[in-house]
């Protein structure tokens, strides 16, 4: 396990799915976590139970991150509970596939406000807490070399590959990728790293809820590596990015997709 002992981390959209996998993996590595959710209360409570059973502190925060004020309040409340902030993981998001010609203003705003705008304003609010945490650590640990604060944005392979019905969703992920690069440059002088993770087919509970006919065998058939990914695998990569081990890494978009983007959807068996 990567050492995240006593790291203080907020993970948005972590009641269920990939976010829950990230939050629980962090706790296994020794971090204290704030779990943010909006509608997945029961799932968020289960995530909290796992984290506290590991002996780590955890708080649930319910908020609608489509509203900028709630982005700011969520970050501040998380930092107050934790006693600071070492890292922010922006994960909250909606997919909602829809044909391009059927997309109206409300649909567009629902996805963009949560998937991208919340990342922007949560990150903006987190900066002061990340800097203050570094100052506090340096004050209490003489000659301490602060590895820096960390912001991890959860993107998607949709930021690179096209797929029907995902014009708005994919656009938000492309925006996240560009935002990650830009913000990493702006925050270098503040010693804050900014990276993005772009997952491919990661099996989450919503797969089964949205399509009762879905099964693991079908999911495996979609991935060149031969199996679906799991939320905790995204968590392992995220753990590295918020750890001191990744101090020299910033501005990167890392795909974790079982070879999906590399294969470009080609049947590699027929090509070999």
Protein backbone atom coordinates (compact mmCIF):
# COMPACT_ATOMS: atom_id res chain seq x y z
CA UNK A 1 0.00 0.00 0.00
CA UNK A 2 1.12 3.54 -0.75
CA UNK A 3 1.68 5.52 2.45
CA UNK A 4 -1.00 8.19 2.94
CA UNK A 5 -0.77 8.13 6.73
CA UNK A 6 -2.62 11.11 8.22
CA UNK A 7 -3.23 12.75 4.82
CA UNK A 8 -6.35 14.91 4.82
CA UNK A 9 -8.40 14.46 1.64
CA UNK A 10 -11.73 15.53 0.15
CA UNK A 11 -13.19 13.33 -2.60
CA UNK A 12 -16.24 14.76 -4.36
CA UNK A 13 -18.91 12.41 -5.64
CA UNK A 14 -17.55 9.63 -3.46
CA UNK A 15 -20.74 8.12 -2.10
CA UNK A 16 -20.70 5.39 -4.71
CA UNK A 17 -18.93 4.12 -7.82
CA UNK A 18 -15.41 5.19 -8.71
CA UNK A 19 -15.43 7.92 -6.05
CA UNK A 20 -16.22 5.41 -3.32
CA UNK A 21 -13.44 3.17 -4.58
CA UNK A 22 -11.01 6.08 -4.40
CA UNK A 23 -12.10 7.16 -0.91
CA UNK A 24 -11.93 3.68 0.61
CA UNK A 25 -8.55 2.98 -0.99
CA UNK A 26 -7.21 6.21 0.50
CA UNK A 27 -8.45 5.13 3.92
CA UNK A 28 -6.71 1.75 3.55
CA UNK A 29 -3.53 3.73 2.89
CA UNK A 30 -3.98 5.69 6.13
CA UNK A 31 -5.78 8.90 5.08
CA UNK A 32 -8.68 10.70 6.75
CA UNK A 33 -11.47 11.38 4.27
CA UNK A 34 -14.42 13.66 3.63
CA UNK A 35 -16.96 11.86 1.48
CA UNK A 36 -19.09 14.22 -0.57
CA UNK A 37 -22.38 13.14 -2.13
CA UNK A 38 -25.60 14.67 -3.42
CA UNK A 39 -28.23 11.95 -3.90
CA UNK A 40 -26.52 8.68 -2.93
CA UNK A 41 -27.03 8.93 0.83
CA UNK A 42 -27.31 5.19 1.61
CA UNK A 43 -24.27 4.37 -0.49
CA UNK A 44 -22.33 7.25 1.10
CA UNK A 45 -23.14 5.92 4.57
CA UNK A 46 -21.79 2.50 3.57
CA UNK A 47 -18.62 4.14 2.27
CA UNK A 48 -18.23 5.97 5.57
CA UNK A 49 -18.69 2.70 7.48
CA UNK A 50 -15.84 1.12 5.53
CA UNK A 51 -13.56 4.09 6.17
CA UNK A 52 -14.27 4.31 9.90
CA UNK A 53 -13.90 0.51 10.26
CA UNK A 54 -10.34 1.02 9.06
CA UNK A 55 -9.73 3.39 11.97
CA UNK A 56 -9.77 6.56 9.89
CA UNK A 57 -11.81 9.71 10.45
CA UNK A 58 -14.61 10.39 7.97
CA UNK A 59 -17.35 12.97 7.49
CA UNK A 60 -20.21 12.97 5.00
CA UNK A 61 -21.10 16.23 3.27
CA UNK A 62 -24.23 16.50 1.15
CA UNK A 63 -24.25 19.33 -1.38
CA UNK A 64 -25.19 20.23 -4.94
CA UNK A 65 -21.94 21.14 -6.67
CA UNK A 66 -23.79 22.57 -9.66
CA UNK A 67 -24.04 25.66 -7.42
CA UNK A 68 -20.76 27.56 -7.02
CA UNK A 69 -21.53 28.64 -3.45
CA UNK A 70 -21.96 25.00 -2.46
CA UNK A 71 -18.62 24.13 -4.07
CA UNK A 72 -16.93 26.69 -1.86
CA UNK A 73 -18.83 25.67 1.27
CA UNK A 74 -18.10 21.99 0.72
CA UNK A 75 -14.35 22.55 0.47
CA UNK A 76 -14.30 24.84 3.52
CA UNK A 77 -16.41 22.44 5.60
CA UNK A 78 -14.15 19.54 4.63
CA UNK A 79 -11.01 21.46 5.61
CA UNK A 80 -12.57 22.48 8.93
CA UNK A 81 -13.47 18.90 9.84
CA UNK A 82 -10.15 17.44 8.75
CA UNK A 83 -8.04 20.23 10.21
CA UNK A 84 -6.59 21.11 6.83
CA UNK A 85 -6.37 19.72 3.33
CA UNK A 86 -3.58 17.77 1.65
CA UNK A 87 -5.48 16.85 -1.48
CA UNK A 88 -8.68 17.36 -3.43
CA UNK A 89 -10.04 14.74 -5.80
CA UNK A 90 -12.62 16.17 -8.19
CA UNK A 91 -14.77 13.19 -9.12
CA UNK A 92 -18.44 14.25 -9.05
CA UNK A 93 -20.12 13.86 -12.42
CA UNK A 94 -23.05 12.90 -14.63
CA UNK A 95 -23.07 10.93 -17.87
CA UNK A 96 -26.67 11.01 -19.22
CA UNK A 97 -26.10 9.97 -22.89
CA UNK A 98 -28.38 11.74 -25.38
CA UNK A 99 -28.52 12.29 -29.11
CA UNK A 100 -26.90 15.58 -30.12
CA UNK A 101 -30.07 16.91 -31.77
CA UNK A 102 -32.12 16.28 -28.61
CA UNK A 103 -29.88 18.20 -26.21
CA UNK A 104 -31.47 21.32 -24.73
CA UNK A 105 -30.04 24.05 -22.52
CA UNK A 106 -31.04 22.38 -19.25
CA UNK A 107 -29.42 19.07 -20.20
CA UNK A 108 -26.25 20.85 -21.29
CA UNK A 109 -26.06 22.91 -18.10
CA UNK A 110 -26.75 19.95 -15.80
CA UNK A 111 -23.74 18.10 -17.13
CA UNK A 112 -21.35 21.02 -17.62
CA UNK A 113 -22.10 22.65 -14.27
CA UNK A 114 -21.34 19.45 -12.35
CA UNK A 115 -18.73 17.77 -14.55
CA UNK A 116 -16.56 20.79 -15.18
CA UNK A 117 -17.64 23.96 -13.38
CA UNK A 118 -17.59 22.22 -9.99
CA UNK A 119 -14.02 21.05 -10.65
CA UNK A 120 -12.98 24.62 -11.38
CA UNK A 121 -14.48 26.22 -8.29
CA UNK A 122 -13.70 23.39 -5.86
CA UNK A 123 -10.07 23.60 -6.98
CA UNK A 124 -10.07 27.38 -6.64
CA UNK A 125 -11.41 27.14 -3.08
CA UNK A 126 -9.00 24.37 -2.12
CA UNK A 127 -5.82 26.27 -2.98
CA UNK A 128 -5.68 28.35 0.22
CA UNK A 129 -6.23 25.24 2.36
CA UNK A 130 -3.53 23.28 0.54
CA UNK A 131 -1.01 26.10 1.00
CA UNK A 132 -1.91 26.55 4.66
CA UNK A 133 -1.46 22.82 5.26
CA UNK A 134 2.04 22.97 3.81
CA UNK A 135 2.90 25.91 6.03
CA UNK A 136 1.57 24.11 9.10
CA UNK A 137 3.52 20.93 8.38
CA UNK A 138 6.72 22.90 7.85
CA UNK A 139 6.16 24.79 11.10
CA UNK A 140 5.84 21.66 13.21
CA UNK A 141 8.46 19.58 11.39
CA UNK A 142 11.71 21.49 11.17
CA UNK A 143 13.58 21.05 7.90
CA UNK A 144 10.47 19.35 6.50
CA UNK A 145 10.46 19.22 2.71
CA UNK A 146 6.78 19.61 1.79
CA UNK A 147 6.00 17.48 -1.26
CA UNK A 148 3.22 19.90 -2.15
CA UNK A 149 -0.55 19.85 -2.26
CA UNK A 150 -2.33 17.72 -4.83
CA UNK A 151 -5.41 18.13 -7.00
CA UNK A 152 -6.58 15.11 -8.97
CA UNK A 153 -9.29 15.55 -11.60
CA UNK A 154 -11.19 12.49 -12.77
CA UNK A 155 -11.54 12.65 -16.54
CA UNK A 156 -12.44 9.80 -18.94
CA UNK A 157 -11.40 8.08 -22.14
CA UNK A 158 -14.31 10.05 -23.62
CA UNK A 159 -12.03 13.08 -23.50
CA UNK A 160 -10.00 11.38 -26.23
CA UNK A 161 -12.34 8.98 -28.05
CA UNK A 162 -15.73 9.62 -29.65
CA UNK A 163 -18.87 7.62 -28.87
CA UNK A 164 -22.54 8.20 -29.87
CA UNK A 165 -24.68 10.16 -27.42
CA UNK A 166 -21.77 11.61 -25.47
CA UNK A 167 -21.25 15.01 -27.11
CA UNK A 168 -21.80 16.98 -23.90
CA UNK A 169 -20.18 14.49 -21.53
CA UNK A 170 -17.11 14.10 -23.72
CA UNK A 171 -16.82 17.87 -24.03
CA UNK A 172 -16.65 18.20 -20.25
CA UNK A 173 -13.89 15.61 -20.12
CA UNK A 174 -11.94 17.40 -22.82
CA UNK A 175 -12.34 20.59 -20.81
CA UNK A 176 -11.07 18.81 -17.70
CA UNK A 177 -7.97 17.66 -19.56
CA UNK A 178 -7.17 21.19 -20.75
CA UNK A 179 -7.98 22.62 -17.32
CA UNK A 180 -5.60 20.14 -15.69
CA UNK A 181 -2.72 21.19 -17.95
CA UNK A 182 -3.41 24.89 -17.50
CA UNK A 183 -3.92 24.76 -13.74
CA UNK A 184 -0.75 22.75 -13.24
CA UNK A 185 1.20 25.62 -14.79
CA UNK A 186 -0.55 28.26 -12.72
CA UNK A 187 -0.01 26.42 -9.44
CA UNK A 188 3.61 25.32 -9.85
CA UNK A 189 4.82 28.41 -7.99
CA UNK A 190 2.49 27.49 -5.11
CA UNK A 191 3.91 23.96 -5.01
CA UNK A 192 0.57 22.36 -5.84
CA UNK A 193 0.46 19.47 -8.31
CA UNK A 194 -2.49 18.97 -10.66
CA UNK A 195 -3.04 15.72 -12.55
CA UNK A 196 -5.95 13.88 -14.15
CA UNK A 197 -6.98 10.24 -14.32
CA UNK A 198 -8.94 9.12 -17.40
CA UNK A 199 -10.66 5.77 -16.66
CA UNK A 200 -12.06 3.48 -19.32
CA UNK A 201 -14.62 0.76 -18.61
CA UNK A 202 -14.74 0.68 -14.81
CA UNK A 203 -17.54 -1.53 -13.51
CA UNK A 204 -19.69 0.37 -11.02
CA UNK A 205 -23.14 -0.38 -9.52
CA UNK A 206 -24.88 1.95 -11.98
CA UNK A 207 -23.94 -0.40 -14.84
CA UNK A 208 -26.30 -3.00 -13.37
CA UNK A 209 -28.94 -0.46 -12.33
CA UNK A 210 -29.25 1.21 -15.74
CA UNK A 211 -29.14 -2.03 -17.72
CA UNK A 212 -30.50 -5.14 -15.94
CA UNK A 213 -29.11 -7.28 -18.75
CA UNK A 214 -25.54 -6.14 -18.06
CA UNK A 215 -23.12 -8.78 -16.79
CA UNK A 216 -19.38 -9.07 -16.13
CA UNK A 217 -18.81 -11.24 -19.20
CA UNK A 218 -20.22 -8.54 -21.48
CA UNK A 219 -18.19 -5.86 -19.73
CA UNK A 220 -15.02 -7.89 -20.18
CA UNK A 221 -15.70 -8.17 -23.92
CA UNK A 222 -15.46 -4.37 -24.26
CA UNK A 223 -11.88 -4.12 -23.04
CA UNK A 224 -8.74 -5.10 -25.03
CA UNK A 225 -7.08 -6.36 -21.83
CA UNK A 226 -9.93 -8.85 -21.47
CA UNK A 227 -11.64 -7.60 -18.32
CA UNK A 228 -13.32 -4.56 -16.88
CA UNK A 229 -11.54 -2.29 -14.44
CA UNK A 230 -12.62 -1.89 -10.82
CA UNK A 231 -13.08 1.29 -8.77
CA UNK A 232 -10.28 0.37 -6.37
CA UNK A 233 -7.85 0.18 -9.28
CA UNK A 234 -8.56 3.83 -10.03
CA UNK A 235 -8.10 4.35 -6.29
CA UNK A 236 -4.60 2.88 -6.39
CA UNK A 237 -3.55 5.29 -9.13
CA UNK A 238 -5.18 8.22 -7.33
CA UNK A 239 -3.38 7.22 -4.13
CA UNK A 240 -0.06 7.52 -5.92
CA UNK A 241 -0.97 10.94 -7.29
CA UNK A 242 -1.86 12.37 -3.87
CA UNK A 243 1.14 10.76 -2.18
CA UNK A 244 4.58 12.28 -1.70
CA UNK A 245 5.93 9.72 -4.19
CA UNK A 246 4.47 11.69 -7.11
CA UNK A 247 6.08 15.00 -6.18
CA UNK A 248 7.76 15.31 -9.59
CA UNK A 249 4.55 14.71 -11.56
CA UNK A 250 2.18 17.49 -12.57
CA UNK A 251 0.06 18.37 -15.58
CA UNK A 252 -0.44 14.75 -16.64
CA UNK A 253 -3.56 12.99 -17.97
CA UNK A 254 -3.15 9.28 -17.21
CA UNK A 255 -5.39 6.71 -18.91
CA UNK A 256 -6.33 3.60 -16.95
CA UNK A 257 -8.38 1.69 -19.50
CA UNK A 258 -7.03 -1.79 -20.23
CA UNK A 259 -5.58 -0.64 -23.53
CA UNK A 260 -8.78 0.90 -24.88
CA UNK A 261 -7.35 4.18 -26.11
CA UNK A 262 -4.20 2.49 -27.42
CA UNK A 263 -6.16 -0.10 -29.41
CA UNK A 264 -8.39 2.59 -30.96
CA UNK A 265 -11.29 0.09 -30.92
CA UNK A 266 -9.54 -2.11 -33.50
CA UNK A 267 -9.84 -5.89 -33.36
CA UNK A 268 -6.19 -6.60 -32.53
CA UNK A 269 -6.59 -10.36 -33.05
CA UNK A 270 -7.54 -9.86 -36.69
CA UNK A 271 -4.74 -7.34 -37.21
CA UNK A 272 -2.02 -9.62 -35.84
